[in-house]
């Protein structure tokens, strides 16, 4: 954002202050330097966002696998061993 705003400000000053072509060409170098900064920071932010998104996806997948494993374990080891008596037998006992 800073590079882009600097470039726009420099470009508007350039158009107001320069009357000859050589001055405009030299001033455009400063404008393109600011745009270069803006594009580089945008690219860096996109790459970092991609890395973070991939990491979050991997974490979510690992968490889902863990929870599925916990659920399977509970079903096999705990729930399958619980014996529920029919309602009539439970009242008599």
PDB file of N, CA and C in Angstrom:
ATOM      1  N   UNK A   1       0.828  -1.189   0.000  1.00  0.00           N
ATOM      2  CA  UNK A   1       0.000   0.000   0.000  1.00  0.00           C
ATOM      3  C   UNK A   1       0.863   1.239   0.000  1.00  0.00           C
ATOM      4  N   UNK A   2       1.926   1.202   0.774  1.00  0.00           N
ATOM      5  CA  UNK A   2       2.816   2.354   0.867  1.00  0.00           C
ATOM      6  C   UNK A   2       3.487   2.620  -0.475  1.00  0.00           C
ATOM      7  N   UNK A   3       3.971   1.576  -1.134  1.00  0.00           N
ATOM      8  CA  UNK A   3       4.629   1.761  -2.436  1.00  0.00           C
ATOM      9  C   UNK A   3       3.682   2.298  -3.483  1.00  0.00           C
ATOM     10  N   UNK A   4       2.453   1.807  -3.484  1.00  0.00           N
ATOM     11  CA  UNK A   4       1.468   2.259  -4.460  1.00  0.00           C
ATOM     12  C   UNK A   4       1.075   3.707  -4.226  1.00  0.00           C
ATOM     13  N   UNK A   5       0.843   4.082  -2.989  1.00  0.00           N
ATOM     14  CA  UNK A   5       0.470   5.471  -2.702  1.00  0.00           C
ATOM     15  C   UNK A   5       1.623   6.422  -3.005  1.00  0.00           C
ATOM     16  N   UNK A   6       2.840   5.994  -2.727  1.00  0.00           N
ATOM     17  CA  UNK A   6       4.007   6.823  -3.062  1.00  0.00           C
ATOM     18  C   UNK A   6       4.119   7.001  -4.564  1.00  0.00           C
ATOM     19  N   UNK A   7       3.887   5.935  -5.305  1.00  0.00           N
ATOM     20  CA  UNK A   7       3.964   6.016  -6.766  1.00  0.00           C
ATOM     21  C   UNK A   7       2.914   6.954  -7.329  1.00  0.00           C
ATOM     22  N   UNK A   8       1.707   6.858  -6.826  1.00  0.00           N
ATOM     23  CA  UNK A   8       0.628   7.733  -7.324  1.00  0.00           C
ATOM     24  C   UNK A   8       0.926   9.186  -6.990  1.00  0.00           C
ATOM     25  N   UNK A   9       1.400   9.438  -5.781  1.00  0.00           N
ATOM     26  CA  UNK A   9       1.739  10.812  -5.394  1.00  0.00           C
ATOM     27  C   UNK A   9       2.882  11.348  -6.249  1.00  0.00           C
ATOM     28  N   UNK A  10       3.891  10.509  -6.484  1.00  0.00           N
ATOM     29  CA  UNK A  10       5.026  10.926  -7.300  1.00  0.00           C
ATOM     30  C   UNK A  10       4.593  11.173  -8.738  1.00  0.00           C
ATOM     31  N   UNK A  11       3.697  10.367  -9.252  1.00  0.00           N
ATOM     32  CA  UNK A  11       3.236  10.525 -10.625  1.00  0.00           C
ATOM     33  C   UNK A  11       2.446  11.817 -10.804  1.00  0.00           C
ATOM     34  N   UNK A  12       1.599  12.137  -9.847  1.00  0.00           N
ATOM     35  CA  UNK A  12       0.837  13.384  -9.967  1.00  0.00           C
ATOM     36  C   UNK A  12       1.761  14.590  -9.865  1.00  0.00           C
ATOM     37  N   UNK A  13       2.753  14.539  -8.981  1.00  0.00           N
ATOM     38  CA  UNK A  13       3.743  15.620  -8.903  1.00  0.00           C
ATOM     39  C   UNK A  13       4.536  15.714 -10.193  1.00  0.00           C
ATOM     40  N   UNK A  14       4.842  14.585 -10.766  1.00  0.00           N
ATOM     41  CA  UNK A  14       5.588  14.529 -12.015  1.00  0.00           C
ATOM     42  C   UNK A  14       4.853  15.264 -13.126  1.00  0.00           C
ATOM     43  N   UNK A  15       3.582  15.002 -13.260  1.00  0.00           N
ATOM     44  CA  UNK A  15       2.818  15.634 -14.335  1.00  0.00           C
ATOM     45  C   UNK A  15       2.680  17.135 -14.133  1.00  0.00           C
ATOM     46  N   UNK A  16       2.622  17.573 -12.890  1.00  0.00           N
ATOM     47  CA  UNK A  16       2.472  18.997 -12.611  1.00  0.00           C
ATOM     48  C   UNK A  16       3.776  19.759 -12.776  1.00  0.00           C
ATOM     49  N   UNK A  17       4.897  19.150 -12.412  1.00  0.00           N
ATOM     50  CA  UNK A  17       6.148  19.895 -12.359  1.00  0.00           C
ATOM     51  C   UNK A  17       6.979  19.827 -13.640  1.00  0.00           C
ATOM     52  N   UNK A  18       6.909  18.779 -14.380  1.00  0.00           N
ATOM     53  CA  UNK A  18       7.785  18.604 -15.537  1.00  0.00           C
ATOM     54  C   UNK A  18       7.129  19.122 -16.816  1.00  0.00           C
ATOM     55  N   UNK A  19       7.949  19.813 -17.590  1.00  0.00           N
ATOM     56  CA  UNK A  19       7.469  20.336 -18.874  1.00  0.00           C
ATOM     57  C   UNK A  19       8.146  19.667 -20.057  1.00  0.00           C
ATOM     58  N   UNK A  20       9.345  19.130 -19.865  1.00  0.00           N
ATOM     59  CA  UNK A  20      10.057  18.496 -20.974  1.00  0.00           C
ATOM     60  C   UNK A  20      10.028  16.974 -20.842  1.00  0.00           C
ATOM     61  N   UNK A  21      10.279  16.317 -21.945  1.00  0.00           N
ATOM     62  CA  UNK A  21      10.189  14.855 -22.014  1.00  0.00           C
ATOM     63  C   UNK A  21      11.291  14.203 -21.186  1.00  0.00           C
ATOM     64  N   UNK A  22      12.495  14.736 -21.192  1.00  0.00           N
ATOM     65  CA  UNK A  22      13.594  14.139 -20.428  1.00  0.00           C
ATOM     66  C   UNK A  22      13.299  14.169 -18.936  1.00  0.00           C
ATOM     67  N   UNK A  23      12.716  15.234 -18.457  1.00  0.00           N
ATOM     68  CA  UNK A  23      12.357  15.316 -17.043  1.00  0.00           C
ATOM     69  C   UNK A  23      11.283  14.315 -16.678  1.00  0.00           C
ATOM     70  N   UNK A  24      10.339  14.118 -17.581  1.00  0.00           N
ATOM     71  CA  UNK A  24       9.268  13.147 -17.341  1.00  0.00           C
ATOM     72  C   UNK A  24       9.833  11.724 -17.307  1.00  0.00           C
ATOM     73  N   UNK A  25      10.744  11.417 -18.216  1.00  0.00           N
ATOM     74  CA  UNK A  25      11.348  10.078 -18.258  1.00  0.00           C
ATOM     75  C   UNK A  25      12.117   9.808 -16.969  1.00  0.00           C
ATOM     76  N   UNK A  26      12.881  10.781 -16.517  1.00  0.00           N
ATOM     77  CA  UNK A  26      13.643  10.596 -15.273  1.00  0.00           C
ATOM     78  C   UNK A  26      12.710  10.456 -14.077  1.00  0.00           C
ATOM     79  N   UNK A  27      11.634  11.182 -14.059  1.00  0.00           N
ATOM     80  CA  UNK A  27      10.696  11.105 -12.941  1.00  0.00           C
ATOM     81  C   UNK A  27       9.902   9.802 -12.955  1.00  0.00           C
ATOM     82  N   UNK A  28       9.694   9.259 -14.140  1.00  0.00           N
ATOM     83  CA  UNK A  28       8.972   7.979 -14.228  1.00  0.00           C
ATOM     84  C   UNK A  28       9.751   6.845 -13.563  1.00  0.00           C
ATOM     85  N   UNK A  29      11.075   6.986 -13.485  1.00  0.00           N
ATOM     86  CA  UNK A  29      11.880   5.965 -12.806  1.00  0.00           C
ATOM     87  C   UNK A  29      11.494   5.876 -11.332  1.00  0.00           C
ATOM     88  N   UNK A  30      11.236   7.014 -10.716  1.00  0.00           N
ATOM     89  CA  UNK A  30      10.819   7.010  -9.313  1.00  0.00           C
ATOM     90  C   UNK A  30       9.435   6.391  -9.161  1.00  0.00           C
ATOM     91  N   UNK A  31       8.570   6.660 -10.125  1.00  0.00           N
ATOM     92  CA  UNK A  31       7.218   6.089 -10.080  1.00  0.00           C
ATOM     93  C   UNK A  31       7.276   4.574 -10.214  1.00  0.00           C
ATOM     94  N   UNK A  32       8.055   4.067 -11.146  1.00  0.00           N
ATOM     95  CA  UNK A  32       8.136   2.614 -11.335  1.00  0.00           C
ATOM     96  C   UNK A  32       8.817   1.934 -10.158  1.00  0.00           C
ATOM     97  N   UNK A  33       9.715   2.633  -9.478  1.00  0.00           N
ATOM     98  CA  UNK A  33      10.335   2.058  -8.281  1.00  0.00           C
ATOM     99  C   UNK A  33       9.275   1.847  -7.196  1.00  0.00           C
ATOM    100  N   UNK A  34       8.381   2.808  -7.031  1.00  0.00           N
ATOM    101  CA  UNK A  34       7.307   2.659  -6.055  1.00  0.00           C
ATOM    102  C   UNK A  34       6.353   1.548  -6.429  1.00  0.00           C
ATOM    103  N   UNK A  35       6.045   1.425  -7.715  1.00  0.00           N
ATOM    104  CA  UNK A  35       5.175   0.331  -8.171  1.00  0.00           C
ATOM    105  C   UNK A  35       5.853  -1.020  -7.969  1.00  0.00           C
ATOM    106  N   UNK A  36       7.156  -1.050  -8.174  1.00  0.00           N
ATOM    107  CA  UNK A  36       7.906  -2.281  -7.945  1.00  0.00           C
ATOM    108  C   UNK A  36       7.782  -2.717  -6.494  1.00  0.00           C
ATOM    109  N   UNK A  37       7.893  -1.771  -5.589  1.00  0.00           N
ATOM    110  CA  UNK A  37       7.737  -2.084  -4.169  1.00  0.00           C
ATOM    111  C   UNK A  37       6.336  -2.610  -3.877  1.00  0.00           C
ATOM    112  N   UNK A  38       5.340  -1.976  -4.480  1.00  0.00           N
ATOM    113  CA  UNK A  38       3.954  -2.406  -4.255  1.00  0.00           C
ATOM    114  C   UNK A  38       3.727  -3.825  -4.763  1.00  0.00           C
ATOM    115  N   UNK A  39       4.234  -4.138  -5.942  1.00  0.00           N
ATOM    116  CA  UNK A  39       4.030  -5.471  -6.497  1.00  0.00           C
ATOM    117  C   UNK A  39       4.821  -6.534  -5.725  1.00  0.00           C
ATOM    118  N   UNK A  40       6.019  -6.199  -5.290  1.00  0.00           N
ATOM    119  CA  UNK A  40       6.811  -7.159  -4.522  1.00  0.00           C
ATOM    120  C   UNK A  40       6.158  -7.475  -3.185  1.00  0.00           C
ATOM    121  N   UNK A  41       5.642  -6.459  -2.502  1.00  0.00           N
ATOM    122  CA  UNK A  41       4.982  -6.721  -1.217  1.00  0.00           C
ATOM    123  C   UNK A  41       3.693  -7.501  -1.409  1.00  0.00           C
ATOM    124  N   UNK A  42       2.977  -7.244  -2.494  1.00  0.00           N
ATOM    125  CA  UNK A  42       1.757  -8.001  -2.783  1.00  0.00           C
ATOM    126  C   UNK A  42       2.095  -9.467  -3.050  1.00  0.00           C
ATOM    127  N   UNK A  43       3.136  -9.699  -3.830  1.00  0.00           N
ATOM    128  CA  UNK A  43       3.557 -11.073  -4.114  1.00  0.00           C
ATOM    129  C   UNK A  43       3.976 -11.788  -2.838  1.00  0.00           C
ATOM    130  N   UNK A  44       4.728 -11.106  -2.002  1.00  0.00           N
ATOM    131  CA  UNK A  44       5.159 -11.690  -0.739  1.00  0.00           C
ATOM    132  C   UNK A  44       3.958 -12.047   0.146  1.00  0.00           C
ATOM    133  N   UNK A  45       2.996 -11.146   0.213  1.00  0.00           N
ATOM    134  CA  UNK A  45       1.797 -11.402   1.021  1.00  0.00           C
ATOM    135  C   UNK A  45       1.010 -12.592   0.471  1.00  0.00           C
ATOM    136  N   UNK A  46       0.907 -12.703  -0.841  1.00  0.00           N
ATOM    137  CA  UNK A  46       0.187 -13.837  -1.443  1.00  0.00           C
ATOM    138  C   UNK A  46       0.895 -15.163  -1.160  1.00  0.00           C
ATOM    139  N   UNK A  47       2.208 -15.171  -1.245  1.00  0.00           N
ATOM    140  CA  UNK A  47       2.962 -16.398  -0.972  1.00  0.00           C
ATOM    141  C   UNK A  47       2.807 -16.800   0.492  1.00  0.00           C
ATOM    142  N   UNK A  48       2.900 -15.831   1.389  1.00  0.00           N
ATOM    143  CA  UNK A  48       2.738 -16.135   2.814  1.00  0.00           C
ATOM    144  C   UNK A  48       1.319 -16.641   3.095  1.00  0.00           C
ATOM    145  N   UNK A  49       0.323 -16.014   2.480  1.00  0.00           N
ATOM    146  CA  UNK A  49      -1.064 -16.463   2.666  1.00  0.00           C
ATOM    147  C   UNK A  49      -1.249 -17.892   2.141  1.00  0.00           C
ATOM    148  N   UNK A  50      -0.608 -18.216   1.031  1.00  0.00           N
ATOM    149  CA  UNK A  50      -0.691 -19.572   0.488  1.00  0.00           C
ATOM    150  C   UNK A  50      -0.072 -20.583   1.441  1.00  0.00           C
ATOM    151  N   UNK A  51       1.099 -20.267   1.982  1.00  0.00           N
ATOM    152  CA  UNK A  51       1.762 -21.168   2.919  1.00  0.00           C
ATOM    153  C   UNK A  51       0.901 -21.377   4.162  1.00  0.00           C
ATOM    154  N   UNK A  52       0.348 -20.303   4.690  1.00  0.00           N
ATOM    155  CA  UNK A  52      -0.495 -20.409   5.886  1.00  0.00           C
ATOM    156  C   UNK A  52      -1.745 -21.233   5.588  1.00  0.00           C
ATOM    157  N   UNK A  53      -2.347 -21.024   4.423  1.00  0.00           N
ATOM    158  CA  UNK A  53      -3.548 -21.781   4.058  1.00  0.00           C
ATOM    159  C   UNK A  53      -3.232 -23.265   3.918  1.00  0.00           C
ATOM    160  N   UNK A  54      -2.099 -23.602   3.301  1.00  0.00           N
ATOM    161  CA  UNK A  54      -1.709 -25.002   3.171  1.00  0.00           C
ATOM    162  C   UNK A  54      -1.451 -25.629   4.540  1.00  0.00           C
ATOM    163  N   UNK A  55      -0.810 -24.891   5.437  1.00  0.00           N
ATOM    164  CA  UNK A  55      -0.555 -25.388   6.785  1.00  0.00           C
ATOM    165  C   UNK A  55      -1.862 -25.619   7.533  1.00  0.00           C
ATOM    166  N   UNK A  56      -2.795 -24.675   7.418  1.00  0.00           N
ATOM    167  CA  UNK A  56      -4.088 -24.820   8.093  1.00  0.00           C
ATOM    168  C   UNK A  56      -4.857 -26.028   7.554  1.00  0.00           C
ATOM    169  N   UNK A  57      -4.794 -26.248   6.248  1.00  0.00           N
ATOM    170  CA  UNK A  57      -5.464 -27.398   5.651  1.00  0.00           C
ATOM    171  C   UNK A  57      -4.853 -28.703   6.155  1.00  0.00           C
ATOM    172  N   UNK A  58      -3.533 -28.745   6.247  1.00  0.00           N
ATOM    173  CA  UNK A  58      -2.867 -29.947   6.760  1.00  0.00           C
ATOM    174  C   UNK A  58      -3.241 -30.184   8.222  1.00  0.00           C
ATOM    175  N   UNK A  59      -3.295 -29.128   9.011  1.00  0.00           N
ATOM    176  CA  UNK A  59      -3.678 -29.265  10.420  1.00  0.00           C
ATOM    177  C   UNK A  59      -5.115 -29.765  10.548  1.00  0.00           C
ATOM    178  N   UNK A  60      -6.006 -29.233   9.736  1.00  0.00           N
ATOM    179  CA  UNK A  60      -7.410 -29.643   9.789  1.00  0.00           C
ATOM    180  C   UNK A  60      -7.552 -31.116   9.400  1.00  0.00           C
ATOM    181  N   UNK A  61      -6.819 -31.526   8.368  1.00  0.00           N
ATOM    182  CA  UNK A  61      -6.864 -32.926   7.944  1.00  0.00           C
ATOM    183  C   UNK A  61      -6.347 -33.845   9.045  1.00  0.00           C
ATOM    184  N   UNK A  62      -5.242 -33.464   9.680  1.00  0.00           N
ATOM    185  CA  UNK A  62      -4.693 -34.277  10.766  1.00  0.00           C
ATOM    186  C   UNK A  62      -5.671 -34.347  11.936  1.00  0.00           C
ATOM    187  N   UNK A  63      -6.316 -33.242  12.248  1.00  0.00           N
ATOM    188  CA  UNK A  63      -7.294 -33.229  13.342  1.00  0.00           C
ATOM    189  C   UNK A  63      -8.484 -34.128  13.023  1.00  0.00           C
ATOM    190  N   UNK A  64      -8.967 -34.080  11.782  1.00  0.00           N
ATOM    191  CA  UNK A  64     -10.097 -34.929  11.403  1.00  0.00           C
ATOM    192  C   UNK A  64      -9.726 -36.408  11.473  1.00  0.00           C
ATOM    193  N   UNK A  65      -8.511 -36.756  11.043  1.00  0.00           N
ATOM    194  CA  UNK A  65      -8.065 -38.146  11.135  1.00  0.00           C
ATOM    195  C   UNK A  65      -7.978 -38.589  12.588  1.00  0.00           C
ATOM    196  N   UNK A  66      -7.458 -37.723  13.443  1.00  0.00           N
ATOM    197  CA  UNK A  66      -7.356 -38.040  14.865  1.00  0.00           C
ATOM    198  C   UNK A  66      -8.734 -38.260  15.475  1.00  0.00           C
ATOM    199  N   UNK A  67      -9.675 -37.375  15.173  1.00  0.00           N
ATOM    200  CA  UNK A  67     -11.019 -37.512  15.728  1.00  0.00           C
ATOM    201  C   UNK A  67     -11.725 -38.750  15.198  1.00  0.00           C
ATOM    202  N   UNK A  68     -11.512 -39.079  13.926  1.00  0.00           N
ATOM    203  CA  UNK A  68     -12.085 -40.316  13.381  1.00  0.00           C
ATOM    204  C   UNK A  68     -11.502 -41.535  14.085  1.00  0.00           C
ATOM    205  N   UNK A  69     -10.203 -41.499  14.340  1.00  0.00           N
ATOM    206  CA  UNK A  69      -9.568 -42.601  15.065  1.00  0.00           C
ATOM    207  C   UNK A  69     -10.112 -42.735  16.476  1.00  0.00           C
ATOM    208  N   UNK A  70     -10.307 -41.609  17.151  1.00  0.00           N
ATOM    209  CA  UNK A  70     -10.889 -41.626  18.501  1.00  0.00           C
ATOM    210  C   UNK A  70     -12.305 -42.189  18.472  1.00  0.00           C
ATOM    211  N   UNK A  71     -13.068 -41.798  17.501  1.00  0.00           N
ATOM    212  CA  UNK A  71     -14.442 -42.286  17.377  1.00  0.00           C
ATOM    213  C   UNK A  71     -14.467 -43.793  17.126  1.00  0.00           C
ATOM    214  N   UNK A  72     -13.604 -44.262  16.224  1.00  0.00           N
ATOM    215  CA  UNK A  72     -13.536 -45.701  15.953  1.00  0.00           C
ATOM    216  C   UNK A  72     -13.114 -46.478  17.195  1.00  0.00           C
ATOM    217  N   UNK A  73     -12.130 -45.959  17.908  1.00  0.00           N
ATOM    218  CA  UNK A  73     -11.662 -46.622  19.134  1.00  0.00           C
ATOM    219  C   UNK A  73     -12.784 -46.710  20.161  1.00  0.00           C
ATOM    220  N   UNK A  74     -13.488 -45.614  20.355  1.00  0.00           N
ATOM    221  CA  UNK A  74     -14.580 -45.602  21.333  1.00  0.00           C
ATOM    222  C   UNK A  74     -15.689 -46.573  20.944  1.00  0.00           C
ATOM    223  N   UNK A  75     -16.005 -46.634  19.657  1.00  0.00           N
ATOM    224  CA  UNK A  75     -17.042 -47.566  19.208  1.00  0.00           C
ATOM    225  C   UNK A  75     -16.614 -49.011  19.428  1.00  0.00           C
ATOM    226  N   UNK A  76     -15.369 -49.344  19.097  1.00  0.00           N
ATOM    227  CA  UNK A  76     -14.897 -50.720  19.210  1.00  0.00           C
ATOM    228  C   UNK A  76     -14.627 -51.133  20.654  1.00  0.00           C
ATOM    229  N   UNK A  77     -14.037 -50.273  21.447  1.00  0.00           N
ATOM    230  CA  UNK A  77     -13.581 -50.650  22.778  1.00  0.00           C
ATOM    231  C   UNK A  77     -14.588 -50.357  23.890  1.00  0.00           C
ATOM    232  N   UNK A  78     -15.427 -49.367  23.718  1.00  0.00           N
ATOM    233  CA  UNK A  78     -16.315 -48.964  24.816  1.00  0.00           C
ATOM    234  C   UNK A  78     -17.771 -49.258  24.488  1.00  0.00           C
ATOM    235  N   UNK A  79     -18.258 -48.700  23.434  1.00  0.00           N
ATOM    236  CA  UNK A  79     -19.687 -48.813  23.116  1.00  0.00           C
ATOM    237  C   UNK A  79     -20.060 -50.258  22.810  1.00  0.00           C
ATOM    238  N   UNK A  80     -19.194 -50.995  22.128  1.00  0.00           N
ATOM    239  CA  UNK A  80     -19.529 -52.380  21.784  1.00  0.00           C
ATOM    240  C   UNK A  80     -19.601 -53.271  23.026  1.00  0.00           C
ATOM    241  N   UNK A  81     -18.995 -52.886  24.127  1.00  0.00           N
ATOM    242  CA  UNK A  81     -19.006 -53.691  25.352  1.00  0.00           C
ATOM    243  C   UNK A  81     -20.142 -53.335  26.300  1.00  0.00           C
ATOM    244  N   UNK A  82     -20.846 -52.297  26.022  1.00  0.00           N
ATOM    245  CA  UNK A  82     -21.953 -51.897  26.886  1.00  0.00           C
ATOM    246  C   UNK A  82     -23.153 -52.784  26.569  1.00  0.00           C
ATOM    247  N   UNK A  83     -23.696 -53.380  27.614  1.00  0.00           N
ATOM    248  CA  UNK A  83     -24.879 -54.231  27.431  1.00  0.00           C
ATOM    249  C   UNK A  83     -26.075 -53.498  28.004  1.00  0.00           C
ATOM    250  N   UNK A  84     -27.034 -53.323  27.171  1.00  0.00           N
ATOM    251  CA  UNK A  84     -28.248 -52.627  27.586  1.00  0.00           C
ATOM    252  C   UNK A  84     -29.356 -53.658  27.691  1.00  0.00           C
ATOM    253  N   UNK A  85     -29.938 -53.718  28.881  1.00  0.00           N
ATOM    254  CA  UNK A  85     -31.026 -54.658  29.101  1.00  0.00           C
ATOM    255  C   UNK A  85     -32.321 -54.075  28.556  1.00  0.00           C
ATOM    256  N   UNK A  86     -33.185 -54.934  28.097  1.00  0.00           N
ATOM    257  CA  UNK A  86     -34.488 -54.433  27.680  1.00  0.00           C
ATOM    258  C   UNK A  86     -35.188 -53.781  28.864  1.00  0.00           C
ATOM    259  N   UNK A  87     -36.154 -52.936  28.614  1.00  0.00           N
ATOM    260  CA  UNK A  87     -36.829 -52.159  29.644  1.00  0.00           C
ATOM    261  C   UNK A  87     -37.464 -53.029  30.720  1.00  0.00           C
ATOM    262  N   UNK A  88     -38.094 -54.118  30.306  1.00  0.00           N
ATOM    263  CA  UNK A  88     -38.765 -54.997  31.275  1.00  0.00           C
ATOM    264  C   UNK A  88     -37.764 -55.695  32.188  1.00  0.00           C
ATOM    265  N   UNK A  89     -36.656 -56.142  31.650  1.00  0.00           N
ATOM    266  CA  UNK A  89     -35.652 -56.822  32.469  1.00  0.00           C
ATOM    267  C   UNK A  89     -34.977 -55.853  33.435  1.00  0.00           C
ATOM    268  N   UNK A  90     -34.814 -54.626  33.035  1.00  0.00           N
ATOM    269  CA  UNK A  90     -34.175 -53.637  33.891  1.00  0.00           C
ATOM    270  C   UNK A  90     -35.054 -53.336  35.095  1.00  0.00           C
ATOM    271  N   UNK A  91     -36.366 -53.318  34.954  1.00  0.00           N
ATOM    272  CA  UNK A  91     -37.278 -53.023  36.064  1.00  0.00           C
ATOM    273  C   UNK A  91     -37.306 -54.180  37.067  1.00  0.00           C
ATOM    274  N   UNK A  92     -37.187 -55.418  36.580  1.00  0.00           N
ATOM    275  CA  UNK A  92     -37.232 -56.573  37.463  1.00  0.00           C
ATOM    276  C   UNK A  92     -35.944 -56.713  38.267  1.00  0.00           C
ATOM    277  N   UNK A  93     -34.872 -56.310  37.764  1.00  0.00           N
ATOM    278  CA  UNK A  93     -33.591 -56.496  38.447  1.00  0.00           C
ATOM    279  C   UNK A  93     -33.361 -55.491  39.515  1.00  0.00           C
TER     280      UNK A  93
END
